[in-house]
Amino acid sequence: MGGNLESEIGPPRVTLGYALASLRVMANSLVLKSKYFVTPCFPIGYGPDYVNAAVSFQFQGESHELLAILHRIEANFGRRRTQRWGGRVLDLDLLAFGDEIAPTVKVFEAWRDKPLTEQVSQTPQELILPHPRMQDRAFVLGPLMDVAPDWSHPVSGHTVRQMYNRLPAEERAALKPLP
């Protein structure tokens, strides 16, 4: 979860707190949350720094149902999907759903291997699980280290800890925990 623009209720950290409360109610689950981190906007230059966190919880339902809940919560807090990788008041990504691979390994690999120039201009029209570039992003793996360091990626077999440790040191150092 993350955001880098102020919502109607306040700055990103406040919005994330309220979004987390909404998630607890709508998903009917206890949630394990990471620390909040300030992370550079990705790609660099696309906007102000983000506040990011990760959550892990049990969900009784299908991945598409959970994604619909996440999109409803985003909309409730003013999220508008107008620009790919643009600034946002709230971003709730479904990174993984247990060991589910969706829709297929082939589609996952195609999105994982897409050049950055194509990633910026193309948006998948279907849910892809696990997130195809999570292994490349410190702003994802750093918070995940707090809540699921031993989760194994269902395609690569690597744990969050292994993926995080493979990131360049300067990217890991760019994560700044909020007090």
Protein backbone atom coordinates (compact mmCIF):
# COMPACT_ATOMS: atom_id res chain seq x y z
CA MET A 1 0.00 0.00 0.00
CA GLY A 2 1.23 3.47 -0.71
CA GLY A 3 0.49 7.03 -1.66
CA ASN A 4 2.30 10.23 -2.46
CA LEU A 5 -0.49 12.82 -2.72
CA GLU A 6 -2.67 14.27 0.01
CA SER A 7 -6.22 12.95 0.13
CA GLU A 8 -9.30 14.72 1.49
CA ILE A 9 -8.49 13.33 4.94
CA GLY A 10 -4.81 14.19 5.05
CA PRO A 11 -1.27 13.29 4.02
CA PRO A 12 -0.37 9.79 2.77
CA ARG A 13 0.42 8.31 6.19
CA VAL A 14 -3.01 9.33 7.51
CA THR A 15 -4.75 8.05 4.38
CA LEU A 16 -2.92 4.71 4.67
CA GLY A 17 -4.05 4.33 8.27
CA TYR A 18 -7.70 4.87 7.35
CA ALA A 19 -7.37 2.61 4.30
CA LEU A 20 -5.95 -0.13 6.53
CA ALA A 21 -8.97 0.20 8.85
CA SER A 22 -11.27 -0.10 5.81
CA LEU A 23 -9.40 -3.18 4.65
CA ARG A 24 -9.79 -4.83 8.05
CA VAL A 25 -13.55 -4.31 7.90
CA MET A 26 -14.10 -5.15 4.22
CA ALA A 27 -11.81 -8.21 4.19
CA ASN A 28 -13.07 -9.31 7.62
CA SER A 29 -9.56 -10.24 8.68
CA LEU A 30 -6.84 -9.36 11.12
CA VAL A 31 -4.00 -7.62 9.34
CA LEU A 32 -0.27 -7.72 9.95
CA LYS A 33 1.25 -4.37 8.84
CA SER A 34 4.84 -3.36 8.21
CA LYS A 35 6.43 -0.12 9.31
CA TYR A 36 5.75 2.87 7.11
CA PHE A 37 8.62 3.72 4.76
CA VAL A 38 9.37 6.84 2.75
CA THR A 39 10.46 5.68 -0.67
CA PRO A 40 11.53 7.54 -3.79
CA CYS A 41 8.87 7.80 -6.47
CA PHE A 42 9.19 5.11 -9.14
CA PRO A 43 10.15 5.80 -11.83
CA ILE A 44 12.35 8.63 -10.52
CA GLY A 45 10.94 12.04 -11.41
CA TYR A 46 7.30 10.93 -11.68
CA GLY A 47 6.29 12.76 -8.51
CA PRO A 48 6.91 13.28 -4.81
CA ASP A 49 8.24 10.50 -2.59
CA TYR A 50 5.80 7.82 -1.47
CA VAL A 51 4.84 6.50 1.91
CA ASN A 52 4.67 2.71 1.53
CA ALA A 53 3.79 -0.23 3.75
CA ALA A 54 2.87 -3.88 3.26
CA VAL A 55 0.14 -5.93 4.86
CA SER A 56 -0.43 -9.65 5.12
CA PHE A 57 -3.72 -11.28 6.09
CA GLN A 58 -6.04 -14.22 5.53
CA PHE A 59 -8.88 -13.70 3.05
CA GLN A 60 -11.83 -16.01 2.57
CA GLY A 61 -12.57 -15.66 -1.12
CA GLU A 62 -10.99 -15.45 -4.55
CA SER A 63 -8.16 -13.16 -5.67
CA HIS A 64 -10.48 -11.24 -8.01
CA GLU A 65 -12.85 -10.57 -5.11
CA LEU A 66 -10.00 -9.18 -3.03
CA LEU A 67 -8.82 -7.00 -5.92
CA ALA A 68 -12.35 -5.57 -6.22
CA ILE A 69 -12.29 -4.71 -2.50
CA LEU A 70 -8.91 -2.99 -2.89
CA HIS A 71 -10.19 -0.94 -5.84
CA ARG A 72 -13.33 0.07 -3.87
CA ILE A 73 -11.19 1.26 -0.97
CA GLU A 74 -8.95 3.24 -3.35
CA ALA A 75 -12.00 4.88 -4.93
CA ASN A 76 -13.45 5.70 -1.50
CA PHE A 77 -10.30 7.70 -0.74
CA GLY A 78 -10.32 9.57 -4.05
CA ARG A 79 -8.07 7.41 -6.23
CA ARG A 80 -8.55 8.14 -9.92
CA ARG A 81 -6.82 5.98 -12.52
CA THR A 82 -5.88 8.64 -15.05
CA GLN A 83 -2.14 8.14 -15.60
CA ARG A 84 -0.03 4.98 -15.46
CA TRP A 85 2.46 5.35 -12.61
CA GLY A 86 1.20 8.84 -11.86
CA GLY A 87 0.89 10.34 -8.40
CA ARG A 88 -1.90 8.96 -6.27
CA VAL A 89 -3.62 9.47 -2.96
CA LEU A 90 -3.80 5.71 -2.41
CA ASP A 91 -2.41 2.65 -4.16
CA LEU A 92 -3.40 -0.80 -2.92
CA ASP A 93 -1.63 -3.47 -4.96
CA LEU A 94 -2.39 -7.15 -4.70
CA LEU A 95 1.17 -8.50 -4.79
CA ALA A 96 0.43 -12.15 -4.17
CA PHE A 97 -2.42 -14.43 -3.20
CA GLY A 98 -0.77 -17.38 -1.48
CA ASP A 99 0.91 -19.42 -4.19
CA GLU A 100 -1.60 -18.53 -6.94
CA ILE A 101 -0.21 -17.82 -10.41
CA ALA A 102 -2.67 -15.91 -12.60
CA PRO A 103 -3.67 -16.03 -15.30
CA THR A 104 -0.78 -18.29 -16.47
CA VAL A 105 2.98 -18.57 -16.00
CA LYS A 106 3.42 -17.49 -19.64
CA VAL A 107 1.46 -14.24 -19.14
CA PHE A 108 3.25 -13.61 -15.83
CA GLU A 109 6.65 -14.03 -17.52
CA ALA A 110 5.69 -11.77 -20.44
CA TRP A 111 4.83 -8.92 -18.04
CA ARG A 112 7.84 -9.62 -15.82
CA ASP A 113 10.20 -9.38 -18.80
CA LYS A 114 8.59 -6.34 -20.48
CA PRO A 115 11.06 -3.45 -21.04
CA LEU A 116 10.52 -0.39 -18.82
CA THR A 117 9.46 1.75 -21.80
CA GLU A 118 6.59 -0.66 -22.47
CA GLN A 119 5.69 -1.01 -18.78
CA VAL A 120 5.08 2.75 -18.56
CA SER A 121 2.71 2.81 -21.53
CA GLN A 122 0.88 -0.53 -21.19
CA THR A 123 -1.55 -1.65 -18.50
CA PRO A 124 -2.54 -5.29 -18.10
CA GLN A 125 -6.24 -5.94 -18.65
CA GLU A 126 -6.29 -8.88 -16.24
CA LEU A 127 -5.05 -9.67 -12.75
CA ILE A 128 -1.46 -10.92 -12.85
CA LEU A 129 -0.21 -12.81 -9.82
CA PRO A 130 2.22 -12.64 -8.28
CA HIS A 131 3.02 -9.02 -9.15
CA PRO A 132 5.37 -9.40 -12.13
CA ARG A 133 8.04 -6.95 -10.93
CA MET A 134 7.88 -7.22 -7.16
CA GLN A 135 11.31 -8.88 -7.10
CA ASP A 136 12.85 -5.72 -8.63
CA ARG A 137 11.45 -3.12 -6.23
CA ALA A 138 12.89 -2.17 -2.86
CA PHE A 139 9.75 -0.19 -2.03
CA VAL A 140 7.82 -3.48 -2.22
CA LEU A 141 10.31 -5.93 -0.74
CA GLY A 142 11.48 -3.70 2.12
CA PRO A 143 8.02 -3.48 3.70
CA LEU A 144 7.38 -7.16 2.90
CA MET A 145 10.44 -8.02 4.98
CA ASP A 146 8.43 -6.89 8.03
CA VAL A 147 5.37 -9.06 7.36
CA ALA A 148 6.35 -12.03 5.16
CA PRO A 149 10.14 -12.48 4.86
CA ASP A 150 9.82 -16.24 4.36
CA TRP A 151 7.03 -16.17 1.74
CA SER A 152 8.23 -18.02 -1.37
CA HIS A 153 7.54 -16.65 -4.84
CA PRO A 154 5.54 -19.37 -6.64
CA VAL A 155 7.42 -18.91 -9.94
CA SER A 156 11.02 -18.24 -8.90
CA GLY A 157 10.93 -20.13 -5.59
CA HIS A 158 12.86 -17.31 -3.90
CA THR A 159 11.79 -15.97 -0.54
CA VAL A 160 11.14 -12.28 0.09
CA ARG A 161 14.37 -12.23 2.11
CA GLN A 162 16.37 -13.66 -0.80
CA MET A 163 14.83 -11.24 -3.31
CA TYR A 164 15.44 -8.27 -0.99
CA ASN A 165 19.08 -9.26 -0.37
CA ARG A 166 19.65 -9.43 -4.14
CA LEU A 167 18.64 -5.80 -4.65
CA PRO A 168 21.43 -3.25 -5.09
CA ALA A 169 22.56 -1.81 -1.73
CA GLU A 170 21.74 1.75 -2.83
CA GLU A 171 18.11 0.80 -3.52
CA ARG A 172 17.75 -0.84 -0.09
CA ALA A 173 19.39 2.20 1.51
CA ALA A 174 16.86 4.50 -0.18
CA LEU A 175 14.08 3.04 2.04
CA LYS A 176 13.64 5.28 5.06
CA PRO A 177 11.45 3.98 7.91
CA LEU A 178 9.15 6.58 9.39
CA PRO A 179 9.41 6.96 13.15
